[in-house]
Amino acid sequence: MAAADMAAVKGSSFMEPLRGLLLTYLMPESCYDEFFLNFNFLDVPCLKVVVSKGLGIGIILGSVLVKLPQILKLVGASSAEGLSLNSVLLELVAITGTMAYSILNKFPFSAWGEALFLMVQTLTIGFLILHYNQKTSRGVLFVLVYGAALAVLLSPVTPPALITALQASNMPAIVVGRLIQAMANFQNGHTGQLSAVSAFLLFAGSLARIFTSLQETGDALMALTYVISSSCNGILVLQLLYYWNCPPAKAKAE
């Protein structure tokens, strides 16, 4: 047996325990063969696939906790000062549109999975804003109405054209929603209970999603949505940096 063939067999046997996992989540079989049988780790198309899949998985795992700092900050302060409910609602519309559009088009979960976790966390933040503004009953109603609307949206009765239109509306929804929050920050002269950790993670995640959307879905509408989202998230990140040492008015009074 030739030395190259023997090396390929050894490489294959060494990676065999991980083969199923790699083929399921990170790469097609052709790329597995290229990497671990031919030992060609510089194959550009395969590298793009692996980087895209890896980023997608990382974004999804990160999204499980990305808004947890924001939720904990609200609960810890027992206040929603500085947070715009309208901004949260528009963000929820955008997240829901992306999720429904991705399910409709059967995009891989690695290309959109974070939307599911962000939806749950954003819904929680919306409820907390209402709760801490002494509108708990409205908060409960808000959660129930959203749940019913989501069920209808994901059901067969909803025309595909409507879901596509909802995804297209994401761009103005994201822009308006972020600008509302940015304007509130500017008028208040501080960022209130806005979490810096969540804002930075959202900014980084939306940037990475530009690449993964183009690589995994080839859908220009999805990619453009994340370009807009990254730009708007960047505005909030810049404000957080600018107002870093400016506490809320209540804190100043104390």
Protein backbone atom coordinates (compact mmCIF):
# COMPACT_ATOMS: atom_id res chain seq x y z
CA MET A 1 0.00 0.00 0.00
CA ALA A 2 1.33 3.44 -0.91
CA ALA A 3 2.37 5.79 1.86
CA ALA A 4 -0.32 8.31 0.88
CA ASP A 5 -3.01 5.61 1.01
CA MET A 6 -1.79 4.41 4.40
CA ALA A 7 -1.88 7.96 5.74
CA ALA A 8 -5.42 8.42 4.43
CA VAL A 9 -6.57 5.21 6.12
CA LYS A 10 -4.99 6.27 9.41
CA GLY A 11 -6.54 9.71 9.17
CA SER A 12 -9.93 8.24 8.40
CA SER A 13 -9.80 5.78 11.30
CA PHE A 14 -8.64 8.51 13.69
CA MET A 15 -11.58 10.78 12.82
CA GLU A 16 -14.18 8.01 12.50
CA PRO A 17 -15.67 8.54 16.00
CA LEU A 18 -16.35 12.18 15.09
CA ARG A 19 -17.36 11.56 11.48
CA GLY A 20 -21.12 11.47 12.09
CA LEU A 21 -21.02 14.62 14.19
CA LEU A 22 -18.94 16.52 11.64
CA LEU A 23 -21.11 15.45 8.69
CA THR A 24 -24.29 16.36 10.54
CA TYR A 25 -23.31 19.83 11.72
CA LEU A 26 -20.17 21.14 10.06
CA MET A 27 -19.49 19.82 6.57
CA PRO A 28 -20.70 17.69 3.64
CA GLU A 29 -19.04 14.34 3.01
CA SER A 30 -16.99 15.74 0.11
CA CYS A 31 -15.33 18.23 2.48
CA TYR A 32 -14.75 15.54 5.09
CA ASP A 33 -12.92 13.47 2.48
CA GLU A 34 -10.97 16.53 1.34
CA PHE A 35 -9.82 17.34 4.88
CA PHE A 36 -9.31 13.94 6.48
CA LEU A 37 -8.57 11.63 3.54
CA ASN A 38 -6.70 13.94 1.19
CA PHE A 39 -5.36 16.17 4.02
CA ASN A 40 -6.15 19.23 1.93
CA PHE A 41 -7.01 21.80 4.59
CA LEU A 42 -6.69 24.73 2.19
CA ASP A 43 -9.68 23.89 0.01
CA VAL A 44 -11.39 27.30 -0.14
CA PRO A 45 -14.99 26.18 -0.85
CA CYS A 46 -14.83 23.68 2.03
CA LEU A 47 -13.25 26.22 4.34
CA LYS A 48 -16.11 28.62 3.62
CA VAL A 49 -18.64 25.90 4.43
CA VAL A 50 -16.94 24.97 7.71
CA VAL A 51 -16.43 28.58 8.81
CA SER A 52 -20.05 29.42 7.97
CA LYS A 53 -21.43 26.36 9.78
CA GLY A 54 -19.15 27.00 12.76
CA LEU A 55 -20.19 30.64 12.99
CA GLY A 56 -23.84 29.67 12.66
CA ILE A 57 -23.60 27.16 15.51
CA GLY A 58 -21.66 29.67 17.61
CA ILE A 59 -24.28 32.37 17.02
CA ILE A 60 -27.10 30.00 17.95
CA LEU A 61 -25.35 28.88 21.14
CA GLY A 62 -24.56 32.49 22.02
CA SER A 63 -28.15 33.59 21.33
CA VAL A 64 -29.39 31.38 24.16
CA LEU A 65 -27.79 33.87 26.56
CA VAL A 66 -27.35 37.01 24.45
CA LYS A 67 -30.24 38.94 26.02
CA LEU A 68 -29.97 37.35 29.45
CA PRO A 69 -27.76 40.24 30.70
CA GLN A 70 -30.51 42.65 29.61
CA ILE A 71 -33.20 40.62 31.38
CA LEU A 72 -31.09 40.33 34.55
CA LYS A 73 -30.36 44.06 34.49
CA LEU A 74 -34.09 44.84 34.31
CA VAL A 75 -34.95 42.41 37.09
CA GLY A 76 -32.03 43.53 39.27
CA ALA A 77 -32.99 47.20 38.97
CA SER A 78 -36.75 46.50 39.11
CA SER A 79 -36.92 49.20 36.47
CA ALA A 80 -37.19 49.52 32.69
CA GLU A 81 -35.98 53.12 32.63
CA GLY A 82 -34.51 54.15 29.30
CA LEU A 83 -35.87 51.19 27.34
CA SER A 84 -38.35 51.88 24.56
CA LEU A 85 -41.26 49.44 24.31
CA ASN A 86 -41.87 50.47 20.70
CA SER A 87 -38.27 49.60 19.85
CA VAL A 88 -38.67 46.16 21.45
CA LEU A 89 -41.93 45.54 19.60
CA LEU A 90 -40.39 46.41 16.24
CA GLU A 91 -37.42 44.17 17.01
CA LEU A 92 -39.83 41.35 17.84
CA VAL A 93 -41.59 41.84 14.49
CA ALA A 94 -38.24 41.66 12.68
CA ILE A 95 -37.14 38.52 14.53
CA THR A 96 -40.48 36.84 13.91
CA GLY A 97 -40.35 37.69 10.21
CA THR A 98 -36.87 36.20 9.86
CA MET A 99 -37.89 33.02 11.67
CA ALA A 100 -41.08 32.51 9.65
CA TYR A 101 -39.32 33.30 6.35
CA SER A 102 -36.53 30.84 7.11
CA ILE A 103 -38.96 28.06 8.04
CA LEU A 104 -40.98 28.72 4.89
CA ASN A 105 -37.89 28.45 2.71
CA LYS A 106 -36.54 25.42 4.61
CA PHE A 107 -33.22 27.11 5.35
CA PRO A 108 -30.88 25.07 7.59
CA PHE A 109 -31.35 25.71 11.30
CA SER A 110 -27.73 26.86 11.53
CA ALA A 111 -28.66 29.80 9.27
CA TRP A 112 -31.43 31.21 11.46
CA GLY A 113 -31.73 29.27 14.74
CA GLU A 114 -30.81 32.20 16.95
CA ALA A 115 -34.07 33.90 15.93
CA LEU A 116 -35.98 31.32 17.98
CA PHE A 117 -34.07 32.10 21.18
CA LEU A 118 -33.97 35.84 20.55
CA MET A 119 -37.74 35.80 20.06
CA VAL A 120 -38.33 34.24 23.50
CA GLN A 121 -35.93 36.66 25.20
CA THR A 122 -37.27 39.74 23.39
CA LEU A 123 -40.81 38.72 24.32
CA THR A 124 -39.67 38.46 27.94
CA ILE A 125 -38.12 41.93 27.81
CA GLY A 126 -41.35 43.36 26.37
CA PHE A 127 -43.31 41.82 29.23
CA LEU A 128 -40.85 43.16 31.83
CA ILE A 129 -41.05 46.69 30.41
CA LEU A 130 -44.83 46.62 30.80
CA HIS A 131 -44.58 44.96 34.22
CA TYR A 132 -42.18 47.56 35.63
CA ASN A 133 -44.37 50.33 34.24
CA GLN A 134 -47.24 49.02 36.38
CA LYS A 135 -48.99 47.37 33.41
CA THR A 136 -48.61 43.69 34.27
CA SER A 137 -52.04 42.69 32.96
CA ARG A 138 -51.19 44.28 29.60
CA GLY A 139 -47.92 42.39 29.65
CA VAL A 140 -49.70 39.06 30.08
CA LEU A 141 -52.13 39.97 27.29
CA PHE A 142 -49.20 40.96 25.08
CA VAL A 143 -47.58 37.53 25.52
CA LEU A 144 -50.85 35.69 24.82
CA VAL A 145 -51.68 37.72 21.72
CA TYR A 146 -48.17 37.28 20.34
CA GLY A 147 -48.33 33.52 20.90
CA ALA A 148 -51.63 33.28 19.02
CA ALA A 149 -50.34 35.46 16.16
CA LEU A 150 -47.19 33.36 15.85
CA ALA A 151 -49.21 30.14 15.68
CA VAL A 152 -51.30 31.55 12.84
CA LEU A 153 -48.24 32.90 11.02
CA LEU A 154 -46.52 29.50 11.04
CA SER A 155 -49.66 27.59 10.04
CA PRO A 156 -50.55 26.59 6.46
CA VAL A 157 -53.35 29.19 6.35
CA THR A 158 -50.81 32.02 6.04
CA PRO A 159 -49.93 32.75 2.36
CA PRO A 160 -46.20 32.50 1.57
CA ALA A 161 -46.36 35.93 -0.06
CA LEU A 162 -47.40 37.44 3.28
CA ILE A 163 -44.40 35.92 5.04
CA THR A 164 -42.06 37.18 2.30
CA ALA A 165 -43.58 40.64 2.67
CA LEU A 166 -43.06 40.43 6.44
CA GLN A 167 -39.39 39.60 5.91
CA ALA A 168 -39.05 42.53 3.48
CA SER A 169 -40.59 44.80 6.13
CA ASN A 170 -37.85 43.78 8.55
CA MET A 171 -35.47 46.40 7.22
CA PRO A 172 -37.65 49.45 8.00
CA ALA A 173 -38.76 47.79 11.26
CA ILE A 174 -35.15 47.33 12.37
CA VAL A 175 -34.15 50.86 11.35
CA VAL A 176 -37.14 52.54 13.02
CA GLY A 177 -36.89 50.36 16.12
CA ARG A 178 -33.18 51.05 16.68
CA LEU A 179 -33.60 54.76 15.91
CA ILE A 180 -36.40 55.01 18.49
CA GLN A 181 -34.08 53.54 21.13
CA ALA A 182 -31.17 55.71 19.96
CA MET A 183 -33.34 58.83 20.14
CA ALA A 184 -34.52 57.89 23.64
CA ASN A 185 -30.88 57.52 24.70
CA PHE A 186 -30.02 60.91 23.20
CA GLN A 187 -32.96 62.67 24.85
CA ASN A 188 -32.23 61.06 28.23
CA GLY A 189 -28.52 61.75 28.01
CA HIS A 190 -27.81 58.16 29.10
CA THR A 191 -28.60 54.59 28.05
CA GLY A 192 -30.62 53.72 31.16
CA GLN A 193 -31.05 49.98 31.72
CA LEU A 194 -29.79 49.10 28.23
CA SER A 195 -27.31 46.23 28.64
CA ALA A 196 -23.90 46.81 27.08
CA VAL A 197 -23.17 43.05 27.00
CA SER A 198 -26.36 42.26 25.07
CA ALA A 199 -25.84 45.17 22.67
CA PHE A 200 -22.25 44.15 21.86
CA LEU A 201 -23.23 40.50 21.37
CA LEU A 202 -26.11 41.44 19.08
CA PHE A 203 -23.80 43.64 17.03
CA ALA A 204 -21.20 40.89 16.67
CA GLY A 205 -23.84 38.28 15.86
CA SER A 206 -25.50 40.36 13.15
CA LEU A 207 -22.12 41.03 11.53
CA ALA A 208 -21.31 37.32 11.42
CA ARG A 209 -24.77 36.55 10.03
CA ILE A 210 -24.04 38.57 6.86
CA PHE A 211 -21.45 35.96 5.87
CA THR A 212 -23.42 32.91 6.99
CA SER A 213 -26.59 34.09 5.21
CA LEU A 214 -24.77 34.48 1.91
CA GLN A 215 -22.95 31.17 2.36
CA GLU A 216 -25.79 28.97 3.60
CA THR A 217 -28.91 30.45 2.04
CA GLY A 218 -27.70 32.54 -0.90
CA ASP A 219 -30.69 34.75 -0.11
CA ALA A 220 -29.92 38.42 -0.77
CA LEU A 221 -32.94 39.57 1.25
CA MET A 222 -31.70 37.74 4.35
CA ALA A 223 -28.17 39.08 3.93
CA LEU A 224 -29.37 42.67 3.39
CA THR A 225 -31.49 42.42 6.53
CA TYR A 226 -28.40 41.59 8.57
CA VAL A 227 -26.40 44.40 6.92
CA ILE A 228 -29.08 46.86 8.05
CA SER A 229 -29.26 45.22 11.49
CA SER A 230 -25.49 45.46 11.95
CA SER A 231 -25.49 49.15 11.06
CA CYS A 232 -28.31 49.93 13.49
CA ASN A 233 -26.86 47.79 16.28
CA GLY A 234 -23.59 49.66 15.74
CA ILE A 235 -25.32 52.97 16.52
CA LEU A 236 -26.45 51.65 19.92
CA VAL A 237 -22.97 50.28 20.63
CA LEU A 238 -21.46 53.71 19.88
CA GLN A 239 -23.99 55.35 22.20
CA LEU A 240 -23.18 52.89 24.98
CA LEU A 241 -19.51 53.82 24.63
CA TYR A 242 -20.27 57.55 24.50
CA TYR A 243 -22.59 57.51 27.53
CA TRP A 244 -20.52 54.94 29.42
CA ASN A 245 -19.99 57.16 32.49
CA CYS A 246 -23.40 58.83 32.37
CA PRO A 247 -25.71 57.15 34.91
CA PRO A 248 -29.51 57.40 34.78
CA ALA A 249 -31.12 60.44 36.35
CA LYS A 250 -32.39 58.42 39.31
CA ALA A 251 -28.89 57.24 40.08
CA LYS A 252 -27.63 60.85 39.91
CA ALA A 253 -30.36 62.01 42.30
CA GLU A 254 -29.37 59.34 44.80
